[in-house]
Amino acid sequence: MLKIFYLFLCLNYIMSRFPQYNVNNEHQLIRRQNTYVLEQKMVTIHTEDRDISQWSNANNFEIRLPDTITNVVGLKLLEIELPGNQYTFSNNQQNTKLQFYLYPKLSTDTFKYLALDAQSTIPYEITIQEGFFTPSEMATALENLMNNAVTNFLVNDAGIIGAVYDNFKVYYDKVGQKLYFGNTYDNFQFNFTEQIQYNVPCTAIINDNQPPLVWNNYANWGLPAYLGFGKQIYDPIDTSNNYVFEYASYDWLIPETSTLPPAIDPHAYYLAAPFTVSMFGDSAIYMEVDKYNTIDELKPYSMTSTHVYNNDFNGIVNAAFAKIPLTAVPNSQIFNSKYNYLLNNNNYDPPIDKIRKLKIKFRYHDGRLVEFKDNNFNFSIMFYYYKNEIARDFELRIPEHFKL
């Protein structure tokens, strides 16, 4: 009997010194532990994967993942290939229109002079083609459009059949990187304090929110801002001499004399933009992934950040998922992020329970949506997630003959 008692004490001691196991479960032979392994899965997305009946534009769409991913602790835009032909100038970006006033000088062409003089208080308006321009192409386009605007008025409104107006000259100074506007005969004026109206179509409206009114900005507020002007009134300089650039082989502006009345000296007028041109547009695109943004962003165009009252300094927490630099020259085939830096690690604590859908938007810093003009592109997102596992300690015996 005493031996049995001592045996019972020894058994209790042994059981207290070792982990307890659930002996009621005939299958559980390994102690349960909360161990996980970090896994990663890459998902490649093409804009043609979207349901085009619901998402007509590639700048804002939603896709469903092939499989639900659980316990997500990180997301990263691994790489992206964008078309390199985003339009710098478009109606939706409200930077395609320009207005000017023409003040005609007394001329022997009486009908033309009287018609232009009656129109001198009404601005002429031109609209450039949507797309991308080099500075020299922009100068040529502006010169042709300004002359055509006056010609169309003389023919269609004033009824002067066969009338032609070609006195405007526009030149891009490659050295100073500025645009010069000139007229060989008549005076003119730019009044950029007057707002130009744009009609933005319904196809550009996302979630019933109209694109930002760019006129209220102090940068990129319209075509004149890209041409190097501010919101001011600009009057040209009067000259009686030819205007020539030192590096050019010809005189750019020569006063016209063919319709000059007797005893009146010839004059020409020119105006240089005070600032350099900006033809390349925005330098970065912001990618948003709804619910998973982690990048904070300041709101642009603050005007009263130091005021105690009505302080408009502001920022947005978790505003973007990734910032994509635009280093490719427009008109090139593609921008490939694999040869540039993308710093966009997005970490989540606690882990995201599950991700089944992604709603994606591409915009500029001020909120304007990127116009891809129906060009498709693709990108890859890496998912980092925890996977539950049972830890195993493997012991490997290597036979002697494998060591030879």
Foldseek 3Di string as FASTA:
>chain_A
DVVVVVVVVVVVVVVVVDDDDDVVDVPDPDDDDWDWDKDKDKDKDWLVQFDCVVVVASQWGKDWDPDKDFFFFWKDFPKWKAFQWFWQDDLLLAAFKFKKFWCADDWLVVLLNVQNNVCRVPIFMFGADITFDDPARVQVRVQVRVQVSSQCCCCPVSVPPPDGGRQWHWDQDPVQQAIKIKGQGIWMKGQLLDDDDGDDDPSQQDPNDRFDQLCPAQASNYNVNQRQAGNHMDTWDKDLQFDDDPVDPDTRHHHDDPGPDPPDGTIMTMDIRPGHHHRQHDFKKFKAKPPQAADKAWAPRFDACPDPPPHPTDIDGSPGQWIGGSPDNHPDGIDICVVPDTDGMGGDPRGHGIDTMIIMRMAGRNRRGTHSPPDMIMTMMMTIRIDTDGDDDDDDDDDPVVVD
